Structure formats: C-alpha cells, structure tokens
Protein backbone atom coordinates (compact mmCIF):
# COMPACT_ATOMS: atom_id res chain seq x y z
CA MET A 1 0.08 -0.02 0.01
CA LYS A 2 2.64 2.49 0.95
CA LEU A 3 4.68 1.58 -2.24
CA THR A 4 1.66 2.25 -4.39
CA LEU A 5 1.14 5.66 -2.77
CA LEU A 6 4.95 6.47 -3.02
CA ALA A 7 4.93 5.46 -6.64
CA GLY A 8 1.60 7.39 -7.32
CA ALA A 9 3.19 10.46 -5.61
CA ALA A 10 6.31 10.17 -7.66
CA ILE A 11 4.38 10.34 -10.88
CA ALA A 12 1.87 12.97 -9.95
CA ILE A 13 4.13 15.54 -8.29
CA PRO A 14 6.13 16.21 -11.52
CA LEU A 15 3.10 16.12 -13.64
CA ALA A 16 1.36 18.74 -11.55
CA LEU A 17 4.63 20.92 -11.61
CA SER A 18 4.72 20.68 -15.31
CA LEU A 19 1.07 22.08 -15.87
CA PRO A 20 0.69 25.77 -16.84
CA ALA A 21 -0.57 27.88 -13.96
CA GLN A 22 -3.83 29.30 -14.32
CA ALA A 23 -4.09 31.79 -11.59
CA GLU A 24 -6.45 34.14 -13.08
CA ASN A 25 -9.66 34.90 -11.24
CA PRO A 26 -12.70 33.81 -13.26
CA VAL A 27 -14.85 36.39 -11.84
CA HIS A 28 -12.57 39.04 -12.73
CA VAL A 29 -12.16 37.63 -16.42
CA GLN A 30 -15.93 37.66 -16.37
CA GLN A 31 -16.23 41.15 -15.10
CA LEU A 32 -13.81 42.48 -17.67
CA LEU A 33 -15.48 40.79 -20.56
CA GLU A 34 -19.12 42.07 -19.62
CA THR A 35 -18.19 45.56 -18.27
CA ASN A 36 -14.71 46.48 -19.65
CA LEU A 37 -13.88 47.59 -16.24
CA CYS A 38 -11.46 45.57 -14.04
CA GLN A 39 -9.13 47.96 -12.12
CA GLY A 40 -6.79 45.85 -9.98
CA CYS A 41 -8.08 42.68 -11.24
CA ASP A 42 -6.16 39.30 -11.14
CA LEU A 43 -5.90 38.36 -14.77
CA SER A 44 -2.43 36.57 -14.52
CA GLY A 45 -2.46 33.65 -17.07
CA ALA A 46 -5.96 34.61 -18.57
CA ASN A 47 -6.61 33.72 -22.17
CA LEU A 48 -7.90 36.76 -23.73
CA THR A 49 -7.23 35.98 -27.28
CA GLN A 50 -8.88 38.49 -29.71
CA ALA A 51 -10.77 40.17 -26.99
CA HIS A 52 -12.46 43.38 -27.62
CA LEU A 53 -11.16 45.61 -24.92
CA ILE A 54 -11.45 49.09 -26.45
CA GLY A 55 -11.41 51.72 -23.70
CA ALA A 56 -11.14 48.97 -20.99
CA ASP A 57 -10.14 50.19 -17.51
CA LEU A 58 -7.10 47.83 -16.55
CA ARG A 59 -5.26 50.16 -14.19
CA ASP A 60 -3.16 48.29 -11.96
CA ALA A 61 -4.32 44.77 -13.22
CA ASN A 62 -2.18 41.74 -12.86
CA LEU A 63 -1.91 40.54 -16.57
CA GLU A 64 1.31 38.54 -15.89
CA GLY A 65 1.72 35.73 -18.49
CA ALA A 66 -1.93 36.45 -19.77
CA THR A 67 -2.64 35.85 -23.49
CA LEU A 68 -3.84 38.95 -25.50
CA LEU A 69 -3.19 37.57 -28.86
CA GLU A 70 -4.62 39.91 -31.54
CA SER A 71 -6.81 41.70 -28.76
CA ASN A 72 -8.15 45.19 -29.31
CA LEU A 73 -6.71 47.32 -26.52
CA GLU A 74 -7.36 50.58 -28.42
CA GLY A 75 -7.76 53.34 -25.72
CA ALA A 76 -7.60 50.92 -22.93
CA ASP A 77 -6.01 52.31 -19.58
CA LEU A 78 -3.27 49.88 -18.52
CA SER A 79 -1.71 52.48 -16.20
CA GLY A 80 0.47 50.45 -13.59
CA ALA A 81 -0.68 47.02 -14.98
CA ASP A 82 1.70 44.14 -14.80
CA LEU A 83 2.05 42.62 -18.27
CA THR A 84 5.22 40.63 -17.45
CA SER A 85 5.49 37.68 -19.92
CA ALA A 86 2.34 38.64 -21.60
CA ASN A 87 1.72 37.52 -25.13
CA LEU A 88 0.46 40.73 -27.05
CA THR A 89 1.34 39.15 -30.56
CA GLY A 90 -0.57 41.13 -33.06
CA ALA A 91 -2.29 43.23 -30.30
CA PHE A 92 -3.63 46.66 -31.25
CA LEU A 93 -2.60 49.28 -28.66
CA THR A 94 -3.62 52.54 -30.39
CA ASN A 95 -3.79 55.47 -27.88
CA ALA A 96 -3.44 53.02 -25.12
CA LEU A 97 -2.32 54.26 -21.69
CA LEU A 98 0.66 52.12 -20.45
CA GLU A 99 2.02 54.66 -17.82
CA ASN A 100 4.17 52.92 -15.41
CA ALA A 101 3.15 49.55 -16.59
CA THR A 102 5.54 46.56 -16.83
CA LEU A 103 6.00 44.72 -19.82
CA ASP A 104 9.32 43.03 -19.22
CA GLU A 105 9.62 39.82 -21.20
CA ALA A 106 6.33 40.54 -22.89
CA ASN A 107 5.86 39.43 -26.69
CA LEU A 108 4.89 42.32 -28.85
CA THR A 109 5.56 40.77 -32.00
CA ASP A 110 3.58 42.33 -34.96
CA ALA A 111 1.82 44.49 -32.36
CA HIS A 112 0.47 47.86 -33.50
CA ILE A 113 1.56 50.50 -30.93
CA TYR A 114 0.14 53.87 -32.22
CA PHE A 115 0.40 56.96 -30.10
CA ALA A 116 0.64 55.07 -26.67
CA ASP A 117 1.65 56.72 -23.51
CA ILE A 118 4.50 54.62 -22.07
CA THR A 119 5.74 57.27 -19.67
CA GLY A 120 7.79 55.25 -17.11
CA ALA A 121 6.84 51.75 -18.61
CA SER A 122 9.34 49.14 -18.35
CA PHE A 123 9.97 47.01 -21.57
CA LEU A 124 13.09 45.03 -20.48
CA ASN A 125 13.68 42.10 -22.94
CA ALA A 126 10.37 42.65 -24.44
CA ASP A 127 10.08 41.29 -28.05
CA LEU A 128 9.15 44.04 -30.58
CA THR A 129 9.96 41.91 -33.73
CA GLY A 130 7.90 43.39 -36.52
CA ALA A 131 5.81 45.70 -34.34
CA ASP A 132 4.52 48.85 -35.96
CA VAL A 133 5.32 51.77 -33.55
CA VAL A 134 4.07 55.16 -34.60
CA GLY A 135 3.88 58.23 -32.59
CA THR A 136 5.24 56.48 -29.45
CA PRO A 137 8.68 57.28 -28.06
CA LEU A 138 9.86 53.66 -27.98
CA SER A 139 13.14 52.65 -29.38
CA VAL A 140 14.74 49.42 -29.65
CA GLY A 141 18.52 48.76 -28.55
CA GLY A 142 21.10 51.15 -27.24
CA ASP A 143 22.24 51.56 -23.77
C-alpha cells in the first residue's frame, strides 16, 4: 500500500509541476468581458485571445503571463498594469495608456502601438519583432 502511494506521488508531483499555472480569477475575467472595467483585477495567465477591450479600465491589473493575442486594446487604460511575460502578439494598442506599466519579457511581435503613452513603462527584454510603432517614443537597442 505504501509503495503504491509512493509510486503514485512520484508520478503525480512532477506532472502537476509541469502543468501551466492558471491563476486568473474567473470572476475578474467575466467582469472584464462584461463591463470593460477591471481595475486592480487578477487576470494573470488569462486567455484573452482576440478580446475586444476597447477603452477597458485595466489600471493596476495583474496580467502577468496573460494571452492577449490579437486583442484590441485601443484606448485601454493599462496604467500601472503588470504585463510581465504577456503575449500581445498582433495586439492593437492605439492610444493605449501604459504609464508605469511593466511589459518586461512581453511578446509584442507584430503588435500595433500607435500614439501610446508609455511614460515610465518598462520593456526590459520585450520582443518587438515586426511591431508597428508610430507616435510612441519607443526605441529598440542602445544603452
């Protein structure tokens, strides 16, 4: 009996550790999708692929590791939001407010960043491959 439990634990623990973490609060995800208001919400790891979040209030939201693939965040307020390691591939960030947001390790491949406010935002090791950046004081490389 003990040997069976030990063998089961030896298999189950590594399997559980290899599964992706889904820490988002489902109530917060529902609130965002229904109201476009989610200030300070926990949306970490949430799948918001192709979400229409035009003008959404996401101030101080936790979007760490979230998938926002091809999402429309035009005019969204992401001030102070944590987008560390978020996937924003092909996302639309026209007139988005990213003041003091953290986008470290974020994937912004092919994103459309037009006239965004990035004052105080952090883009450490962010991937901007193929991104369209217009009217936004964002440059790649250098010291």
